[in-house]
Protein backbone atom coordinates (compact mmCIF):
# COMPACT_ATOMS: atom_id res chain seq x y z
CA UNK A 1 -124.86 41.34 49.97
CA UNK A 2 -128.76 40.95 50.81
CA UNK A 3 -131.06 39.74 47.74
CA UNK A 4 -132.39 43.14 47.27
CA UNK A 5 -128.67 44.13 47.00
CA UNK A 6 -128.13 41.63 44.16
CA UNK A 7 -131.66 42.60 42.25
CA UNK A 8 -130.38 45.95 42.33
CA UNK A 9 -127.04 45.21 40.89
CA UNK A 10 -128.31 42.86 38.21
CA UNK A 11 -130.28 45.60 36.97
CA UNK A 12 -127.76 47.91 36.70
CA UNK A 13 -125.44 45.76 35.14
CA UNK A 14 -128.27 45.30 32.33
CA UNK A 15 -129.57 48.44 31.84
CA UNK A 16 -128.89 48.54 28.02
CA UNK A 17 -130.54 45.20 27.16
CA UNK A 18 -133.70 46.62 29.35
CA UNK A 19 -133.61 50.00 27.16
CA UNK A 20 -132.93 47.48 24.01
CA UNK A 21 -135.52 44.94 24.39
CA UNK A 22 -138.58 48.30 25.29
CA UNK A 23 -137.37 49.70 21.74
CA UNK A 24 -137.47 46.09 19.88
CA UNK A 25 -140.99 45.19 21.15
CA UNK A 26 -141.93 48.58 20.45
CA UNK A 27 -140.97 48.32 16.40
CA UNK A 28 -143.74 45.19 16.30
CA UNK A 29 -146.87 46.55 15.77
CA UNK A 30 -149.53 45.18 18.30
CA UNK A 31 -151.86 47.52 17.06
CA UNK A 32 -155.78 47.17 18.29
CA UNK A 33 -157.93 47.29 15.75
CA UNK A 34 -157.28 44.74 14.91
CA UNK A 35 -155.14 43.44 17.90
CA UNK A 36 -153.01 41.21 16.06
CA UNK A 37 -149.74 40.47 18.55
CA UNK A 38 -149.20 36.94 17.12
CA UNK A 39 -145.11 38.35 15.86
CA UNK A 40 -144.92 40.18 19.29
CA UNK A 41 -145.73 36.91 21.06
CA UNK A 42 -143.13 35.32 18.94
CA UNK A 43 -140.24 37.71 19.66
CA UNK A 44 -140.96 37.31 23.14
CA UNK A 45 -141.34 33.99 23.69
CA UNK A 46 -137.66 33.65 21.91
CA UNK A 47 -136.33 35.79 24.14
CA UNK A 48 -138.30 33.83 27.60
CA UNK A 49 -136.78 30.30 25.84
CA UNK A 50 -133.29 31.73 25.73
CA UNK A 51 -133.47 32.89 29.25
CA UNK A 52 -134.31 29.57 30.27
CA UNK A 53 -137.70 30.40 31.49
CA UNK A 54 -141.32 28.35 31.25
CA UNK A 55 -143.96 29.81 29.57
CA UNK A 56 -146.99 28.41 27.98
CA UNK A 57 -149.29 30.31 24.99
CA UNK A 58 -152.83 30.30 25.07
CA UNK A 59 -154.41 31.30 22.20
CA UNK A 60 -158.30 31.59 22.37
CA UNK A 61 -158.25 33.85 19.07
CA UNK A 62 -156.03 32.87 16.79
CA UNK A 63 -154.22 36.58 16.17
CA UNK A 64 -154.67 37.40 20.05
CA UNK A 65 -152.32 35.24 21.97
CA UNK A 66 -151.38 35.29 25.36
CA UNK A 67 -148.15 34.45 27.10
CA UNK A 68 -148.27 32.49 30.32
CA UNK A 69 -144.93 32.15 32.24
CA UNK A 70 -144.02 30.48 35.94
CA UNK A 71 -141.46 30.98 38.07
CA UNK A 72 -141.02 28.94 41.27
CA UNK A 73 -139.28 29.88 44.74
CA UNK A 74 -137.55 27.46 46.86
CA UNK A 75 -140.62 26.45 48.39
CA UNK A 76 -144.10 26.45 48.96
CA UNK A 77 -145.48 30.11 49.82
CA UNK A 78 -147.82 32.49 47.50
CA UNK A 79 -148.42 33.36 44.46
CA UNK A 80 -147.37 36.87 42.79
CA UNK A 81 -148.55 37.50 39.23
CA UNK A 82 -147.41 39.81 37.13
CA UNK A 83 -150.02 41.33 34.39
CA UNK A 84 -149.47 43.62 31.44
CA UNK A 85 -150.87 43.65 27.99
CA UNK A 86 -149.38 43.40 24.44
CA UNK A 87 -152.12 45.36 22.68
CA UNK A 88 -151.44 48.89 21.55
CA UNK A 89 -153.76 52.09 20.26
CA UNK A 90 -153.35 52.55 16.42
CA UNK A 91 -150.35 54.56 15.13
CA UNK A 92 -152.39 57.04 13.20
CA UNK A 93 -150.97 59.57 11.09
CA UNK A 94 -146.63 58.68 11.05
CA UNK A 95 -146.22 62.04 8.82
CA UNK A 96 -146.87 63.58 12.21
CA UNK A 97 -144.77 62.25 14.24
CA UNK A 98 -140.75 63.18 15.02
CA UNK A 99 -139.72 59.72 14.81
CA UNK A 100 -141.73 56.99 13.04
CA UNK A 101 -144.22 55.29 15.68
CA UNK A 102 -143.00 51.82 14.99
CA UNK A 103 -139.08 53.39 15.53
CA UNK A 104 -138.30 52.51 18.84
CA UNK A 105 -136.64 55.45 18.91
CA UNK A 106 -134.13 56.17 21.91
CA UNK A 107 -132.95 59.77 22.31
CA UNK A 108 -132.05 62.11 24.64
CA UNK A 109 -133.05 59.59 27.37
CA UNK A 110 -136.35 58.94 26.18
CA UNK A 111 -137.94 55.44 24.01
CA UNK A 112 -140.53 56.70 21.37
CA UNK A 113 -142.99 54.81 20.15
CA UNK A 114 -146.53 53.78 19.69
CA UNK A 115 -147.22 51.99 23.06
CA UNK A 116 -143.92 52.93 24.56
CA UNK A 117 -146.29 54.09 27.97
CA UNK A 118 -149.26 52.22 27.29
CA UNK A 119 -147.92 49.85 27.66
CA UNK A 120 -144.46 48.72 26.08
CA UNK A 121 -142.54 49.95 28.46
CA UNK A 122 -144.81 48.68 31.52
CA UNK A 123 -144.44 45.12 29.81
CA UNK A 124 -140.60 45.23 29.47
CA UNK A 125 -140.35 46.22 33.11
CA UNK A 126 -142.42 43.20 34.37
CA UNK A 127 -140.38 40.66 32.00
CA UNK A 128 -137.05 42.11 33.29
CA UNK A 129 -138.44 41.78 36.73
CA UNK A 130 -139.56 38.05 36.36
CA UNK A 131 -136.20 37.70 34.32
CA UNK A 132 -133.88 38.61 37.06
CA UNK A 133 -136.01 37.12 39.78
CA UNK A 134 -135.57 33.81 38.01
CA UNK A 135 -131.69 34.23 38.78
CA UNK A 136 -132.61 34.31 42.71
CA UNK A 137 -135.48 31.47 43.23
CA UNK A 138 -133.50 30.39 46.14
CA UNK A 139 -134.21 33.61 47.93
CA UNK A 140 -138.01 33.32 48.05
CA UNK A 141 -141.07 31.19 47.96
CA UNK A 142 -143.79 31.11 46.28
CA UNK A 143 -143.96 31.66 42.70
CA UNK A 144 -144.74 34.45 40.32
CA UNK A 145 -146.80 34.38 37.16
CA UNK A 146 -146.24 36.31 34.40
CA UNK A 147 -149.46 37.85 32.05
CA UNK A 148 -148.82 38.94 29.05
CA UNK A 149 -152.30 39.63 27.47
CA UNK A 150 -153.90 40.70 24.05
CA UNK A 151 -157.39 42.58 23.85
CA UNK A 152 -156.78 44.79 26.93
CA UNK A 153 -157.92 47.95 24.98
CA UNK A 154 -160.90 45.86 23.40
CA UNK A 155 -162.35 44.89 26.83
CA UNK A 156 -159.94 41.79 27.67
CA UNK A 157 -162.50 39.13 26.81
CA UNK A 158 -159.66 37.07 25.05
CA UNK A 159 -156.99 37.97 27.39
CA UNK A 160 -156.96 38.53 31.31
CA UNK A 161 -160.93 37.56 31.36
CA UNK A 162 -160.55 34.50 29.27
CA UNK A 163 -157.24 33.58 31.10
CA UNK A 164 -159.16 34.28 34.57
CA UNK A 165 -161.98 31.83 33.60
CA UNK A 166 -159.26 29.06 32.27
CA UNK A 167 -156.08 29.12 33.98
CA UNK A 168 -155.92 28.59 37.99
CA UNK A 169 -152.55 29.51 38.17
CA UNK A 170 -153.37 33.27 36.77
CA UNK A 171 -155.58 33.60 39.66
CA UNK A 172 -152.65 34.42 42.54
CA UNK A 173 -152.70 36.25 46.05
CA UNK A 174 -151.87 39.56 44.72
CA UNK A 175 -151.41 40.91 41.37
CA UNK A 176 -148.94 44.08 40.31
CA UNK A 177 -149.40 45.94 37.22
CA UNK A 178 -147.16 48.08 35.27
CA UNK A 179 -149.59 50.48 33.65
CA UNK A 180 -148.80 54.35 33.04
CA UNK A 181 -149.42 55.46 36.41
CA UNK A 182 -146.61 58.29 36.43
CA UNK A 183 -143.50 56.68 38.98
CA UNK A 184 -144.61 59.36 41.73
CA UNK A 185 -147.98 57.48 42.18
CA UNK A 186 -149.33 54.16 42.56
CA UNK A 187 -152.86 53.49 41.95
CA UNK A 188 -155.10 51.30 44.13
CA UNK A 189 -158.26 52.28 42.55
CA UNK A 190 -160.37 52.73 39.64
CA UNK A 191 -162.95 54.61 38.54
CA UNK A 192 -166.35 52.80 37.04
CA UNK A 193 -168.04 53.76 33.58
CA UNK A 194 -170.99 53.87 31.75
CA UNK A 195 -171.21 54.19 28.28
CA UNK A 196 -174.55 55.04 27.10
CA UNK A 197 -175.84 55.51 23.37
CA UNK A 198 -179.16 58.10 23.39
CA UNK A 199 -181.47 58.21 20.57
CA UNK A 200 -183.90 61.24 20.24
CA UNK A 201 -187.11 60.63 18.12
CA UNK A 202 -189.20 63.56 16.84
CA UNK A 203 -190.88 64.77 13.56
CA UNK A 204 -189.48 65.98 10.18
CA UNK A 205 -190.43 68.75 8.38
CA UNK A 206 -189.62 71.85 6.34
CA UNK A 207 -187.85 74.35 8.33
CA UNK A 208 -190.02 76.87 7.87
CA UNK A 209 -193.20 75.18 9.09
CA UNK A 210 -191.89 74.49 12.93
CA UNK A 211 -195.60 73.87 14.17
CA UNK A 212 -195.75 71.05 11.89
CA UNK A 213 -192.84 69.05 12.82
CA UNK A 214 -191.04 68.22 16.79
CA UNK A 215 -187.32 68.84 16.80
CA UNK A 216 -185.22 65.71 17.61
CA UNK A 217 -182.02 67.92 18.37
CA UNK A 218 -183.85 70.36 20.42
CA UNK A 219 -185.57 67.07 22.54
CA UNK A 220 -181.66 65.76 22.65
CA UNK A 221 -180.29 68.98 23.95
CA UNK A 222 -182.80 69.02 26.79
CA UNK A 223 -182.22 65.62 27.81
CA UNK A 224 -178.03 66.26 27.62
CA UNK A 225 -178.47 68.82 30.11
CA UNK A 226 -180.90 67.10 32.27
CA UNK A 227 -178.38 64.32 32.43
CA UNK A 228 -175.71 66.15 33.77
CA UNK A 229 -177.01 66.37 36.87
CA UNK A 230 -176.38 62.82 37.75
CA UNK A 231 -173.03 64.43 38.98
CA UNK A 232 -175.14 65.60 41.85
CA UNK A 233 -176.05 62.25 43.09
CA UNK A 234 -174.50 61.49 46.65
CA UNK A 235 -171.67 59.36 47.08
CA UNK A 236 -170.81 57.29 49.87
CA UNK A 237 -166.97 56.79 49.44
CA UNK A 238 -164.85 54.34 51.77
CA UNK A 239 -163.41 56.24 54.36
CA UNK A 240 -159.53 55.01 53.66
CA UNK A 241 -160.04 56.26 49.75
CA UNK A 242 -160.96 59.28 50.62
CA UNK A 243 -158.57 59.83 53.26
CA UNK A 244 -155.41 59.18 51.16
CA UNK A 245 -157.18 60.79 48.30
CA UNK A 246 -157.22 63.95 50.42
CA UNK A 247 -153.60 63.41 51.52
CA UNK A 248 -152.28 63.45 48.09
CA UNK A 249 -154.45 66.27 46.87
CA UNK A 250 -151.94 68.97 46.74
CA UNK A 251 -149.61 66.51 44.64
CA UNK A 252 -152.10 65.06 42.11
CA UNK A 253 -153.29 68.78 41.62
CA UNK A 254 -150.09 70.01 40.58
CA UNK A 255 -149.30 67.34 38.41
CA UNK A 256 -152.85 67.01 37.04
CA UNK A 257 -153.97 70.37 36.91
CA UNK A 258 -156.28 72.27 39.51
CA UNK A 259 -159.01 70.56 40.22
CA UNK A 260 -157.77 66.85 39.20
CA UNK A 261 -158.54 65.44 42.54
CA UNK A 262 -162.04 66.54 42.45
CA UNK A 263 -162.36 64.94 39.56
CA UNK A 264 -160.94 61.54 40.93
CA UNK A 265 -163.61 61.89 43.89
CA UNK A 266 -166.54 62.80 41.90
CA UNK A 267 -168.73 61.86 39.63
CA UNK A 268 -168.15 63.20 35.82
CA UNK A 269 -170.48 63.41 32.45
CA UNK A 270 -169.02 64.01 28.87
CA UNK A 271 -171.26 64.20 25.94
CA UNK A 272 -168.75 62.85 23.45
CA UNK A 273 -170.65 62.59 20.48
CA UNK A 274 -173.70 63.81 18.61
CA UNK A 275 -175.00 63.94 15.25
CA UNK A 276 -178.22 64.58 13.73
CA UNK A 277 -180.63 66.69 11.26
CA UNK A 278 -179.69 66.57 7.38
CA UNK A 279 -180.29 69.83 6.15
CA UNK A 280 -180.48 73.55 7.90
CA UNK A 281 -184.05 73.59 6.60
CA UNK A 282 -185.37 70.92 7.48
CA UNK A 283 -186.72 69.98 11.17
CA UNK A 284 -184.80 66.99 12.26
CA UNK A 285 -186.55 63.44 12.92
CA UNK A 286 -183.59 61.84 14.47
CA UNK A 287 -180.92 62.49 16.75
CA UNK A 288 -177.73 60.20 17.89
CA UNK A 289 -175.24 61.26 21.19
CA UNK A 290 -173.02 59.26 23.02
CA UNK A 291 -172.79 59.77 26.83
CA UNK A 292 -169.72 58.84 29.16
CA UNK A 293 -170.21 59.42 32.79
CA UNK A 294 -167.44 58.36 35.17
CA UNK A 295 -167.92 56.67 38.44
CA UNK A 296 -166.06 57.20 41.67
CA UNK A 297 -165.67 54.75 44.86
CA UNK A 298 -168.77 55.16 46.35
CA UNK A 299 -171.29 55.05 44.02
CA UNK A 300 -172.53 52.57 41.63
CA UNK A 301 -173.71 51.91 38.02
CA UNK A 302 -176.91 50.73 39.43
CA UNK A 303 -177.42 54.11 41.08
CA UNK A 304 -176.67 55.83 38.14
CA UNK A 305 -178.71 53.93 35.57
CA UNK A 306 -181.58 54.54 37.95
CA UNK A 307 -181.21 58.37 37.94
CA UNK A 308 -181.00 58.35 34.40
CA UNK A 309 -184.13 56.52 34.33
CA UNK A 310 -186.12 58.98 36.39
CA UNK A 311 -184.80 61.52 34.30
CA UNK A 312 -186.13 59.87 31.37
CA UNK A 313 -189.60 60.05 32.80
CA UNK A 314 -189.32 63.84 31.66
CA UNK A 315 -188.53 63.16 28.05
CA UNK A 316 -190.95 61.94 25.74
CA UNK A 317 -189.22 60.43 22.38
CA UNK A 318 -186.05 59.59 23.92
CA UNK A 319 -184.31 56.61 24.50
CA UNK A 320 -180.92 54.49 25.22
CA UNK A 321 -179.13 51.90 25.87
CA UNK A 322 -175.68 51.10 27.92
CA UNK A 323 -172.96 50.35 25.22
CA UNK A 324 -170.53 49.51 28.05
CA UNK A 325 -170.62 49.51 31.95
CA UNK A 326 -167.78 48.82 34.63
CA UNK A 327 -168.35 49.74 38.34
CA UNK A 328 -165.11 51.40 40.37
CA UNK A 329 -163.30 49.01 41.88
CA UNK A 330 -160.26 49.38 44.55
CA UNK A 331 -157.83 47.83 46.42
CA UNK A 332 -158.22 48.78 50.29
CA UNK A 333 -154.77 51.56 50.22
CA UNK A 334 -153.33 49.91 53.38
CA UNK A 335 -153.15 46.45 52.11
CA UNK A 336 -149.73 44.97 51.94
CA UNK A 337 -149.15 44.65 48.06
CA UNK A 338 -149.80 48.69 48.14
CA UNK A 339 -147.31 49.63 50.76
CA UNK A 340 -144.55 47.27 50.13
CA UNK A 341 -144.88 48.68 46.29
CA UNK A 342 -145.08 52.50 47.84
CA UNK A 343 -141.80 51.42 50.20
CA UNK A 344 -140.01 50.01 46.99
CA UNK A 345 -140.58 52.90 45.10
CA UNK A 346 -139.66 55.41 47.74
CA UNK A 347 -136.45 53.59 48.20
CA UNK A 348 -135.96 53.32 44.10
CA UNK A 349 -136.80 57.59 44.11
CA UNK A 350 -135.27 58.80 46.93
CA UNK A 351 -138.23 60.79 47.39
CA UNK A 352 -142.30 60.59 48.29
CA UNK A 353 -144.34 58.41 46.19
CA UNK A 354 -148.30 58.73 46.93
CA UNK A 355 -151.09 56.18 46.47
CA UNK A 356 -153.95 57.56 43.89
CA UNK A 357 -156.83 56.46 42.15
CA UNK A 358 -156.69 55.80 38.18
CA UNK A 359 -159.22 57.83 35.97
CA UNK A 360 -158.91 55.15 32.99
CA UNK A 361 -159.48 51.58 33.20
CA UNK A 362 -157.07 48.55 33.43
CA UNK A 363 -157.24 44.81 33.19
CA UNK A 364 -156.94 45.50 37.26
CA UNK A 365 -160.64 45.61 37.60
CA UNK A 366 -161.04 41.80 36.54
CA UNK A 367 -158.44 40.76 39.15
CA UNK A 368 -160.32 42.65 41.69
CA UNK A 369 -163.70 41.21 40.73
CA UNK A 370 -162.47 38.20 41.83
CA UNK A 371 -161.15 39.16 45.13
CA UNK A 372 -157.52 39.33 43.79
CA UNK A 373 -155.67 42.72 45.67
CA UNK A 374 -153.80 44.90 42.64
CA UNK A 375 -151.63 47.77 42.87
CA UNK A 376 -150.44 49.22 39.87
CA UNK A 377 -147.08 51.36 39.07
CA UNK A 378 -145.36 52.27 36.08
CA UNK A 379 -143.73 54.96 33.57
CA UNK A 380 -144.88 58.84 33.67
CA UNK A 381 -146.86 59.07 30.32
CA UNK A 382 -146.16 61.15 27.26
CA UNK A 383 -148.71 61.60 24.82
CA UNK A 384 -150.19 58.37 25.45
CA UNK A 385 -152.26 57.52 22.26
CA UNK A 386 -150.86 60.53 20.56
CA UNK A 387 -148.06 61.66 18.53
CA UNK A 388 -145.02 61.19 19.76
CA UNK A 389 -145.89 59.17 22.33
CA UNK A 390 -142.83 57.95 24.71
CA UNK A 391 -141.77 57.28 27.94
CA UNK A 392 -138.10 58.13 29.88
CA UNK A 393 -135.32 55.44 30.24
CA UNK A 394 -135.02 56.74 33.70
CA UNK A 395 -138.58 55.66 34.19
CA UNK A 396 -138.52 52.07 33.14
CA UNK A 397 -135.64 51.64 34.93
CA UNK A 398 -137.30 52.90 37.88
CA UNK A 399 -140.51 51.00 37.35
CA UNK A 400 -138.27 47.54 36.78
CA UNK A 401 -136.56 47.63 39.87
CA UNK A 402 -139.74 48.86 42.18
CA UNK A 403 -141.56 45.74 40.73
CA UNK A 404 -138.60 43.51 41.09
CA UNK A 405 -138.08 44.81 44.76
CA UNK A 406 -141.61 44.40 45.44
CA UNK A 407 -142.18 40.99 44.42
CA UNK A 408 -139.13 39.66 46.06
CA UNK A 409 -140.17 41.22 49.76
CA UNK A 410 -143.73 40.07 49.03
CA UNK A 411 -142.62 35.87 48.62
CA UNK A 412 -140.07 36.59 51.43
CA UNK A 413 -142.95 37.39 53.91
């Protein structure tokens, strides 16, 4: 029996254990805010200890601890990092859920609960792949580092970023992450983003005396209409990124709706929030808006902000500040870790798995900023951050098998 066959046999023999573990960690609240993951870390720590696995807890913030586990192979070699986050979105109104958001209910081949997809299903896949590989350390060289982090939903300052800055073993040769991509695709890239707060200042007056006032809402409307033209900026995307996204266009557009590929490859601008005025018969003297701009590969935050500054020169009484900025980032799609994951995911699924770009962000950006190649592959997300969030049992097992097989092959290389 080959190493891969033995690994798959272990996973098959322990299917119920995998499902039960995922259900159990969903039952432990780790909503962010407040971001308290202490109970969850204690639960996972007890599991790792029972399995005889080495780990250390790092807690730069008392209520936001992180777990780092280490698994050594038969000889010196490469280091592969597993990365998953423990915090989730808030549960919201539990009365609107089919099952309680902290029930971890398993029904009809699905696992329900807050964080099932983002990303306690992915956490389970990483932990279980780590567990089963620990039974086969004689078959690979190098080491696997398991990082289970807090604070991803709020930027990663006390989670992945802190670990990369302070724990040398977290900086590996490659990183695997089980964020919810859908098992039909692997994410090798992420769009960047710029969140802006825009302020328009005018002159207040009675609504009937328009000649005496300067309407801040009108000024804001004109500026927001103008700022949407940032989507027309020239984009010089890397050729390998363009090629791979075009190859997957038909599948992605079918999966995510017509035009999805164009969204992945283009700049987008969303006016997400606007507030101004006090009464209908008063000329507003102030208006505030928030804008979400997403950047594909081939354009930088600096280019977009320079364009916004140019637009600003045409609008008196308008100012803005950057709430958050993140550069687009990617791992070359023909990198070994991407191709190995694609090959093994296709082996498990018995059908094609494409390489694609993510629209949302993940902690992969922090690894890529340090030159560490990353590939993301996880369950299909159903109602992520919404009511009745869930994943399928099949996707959970597919993710676990794909990560485990890829890790074994990567560390045998």
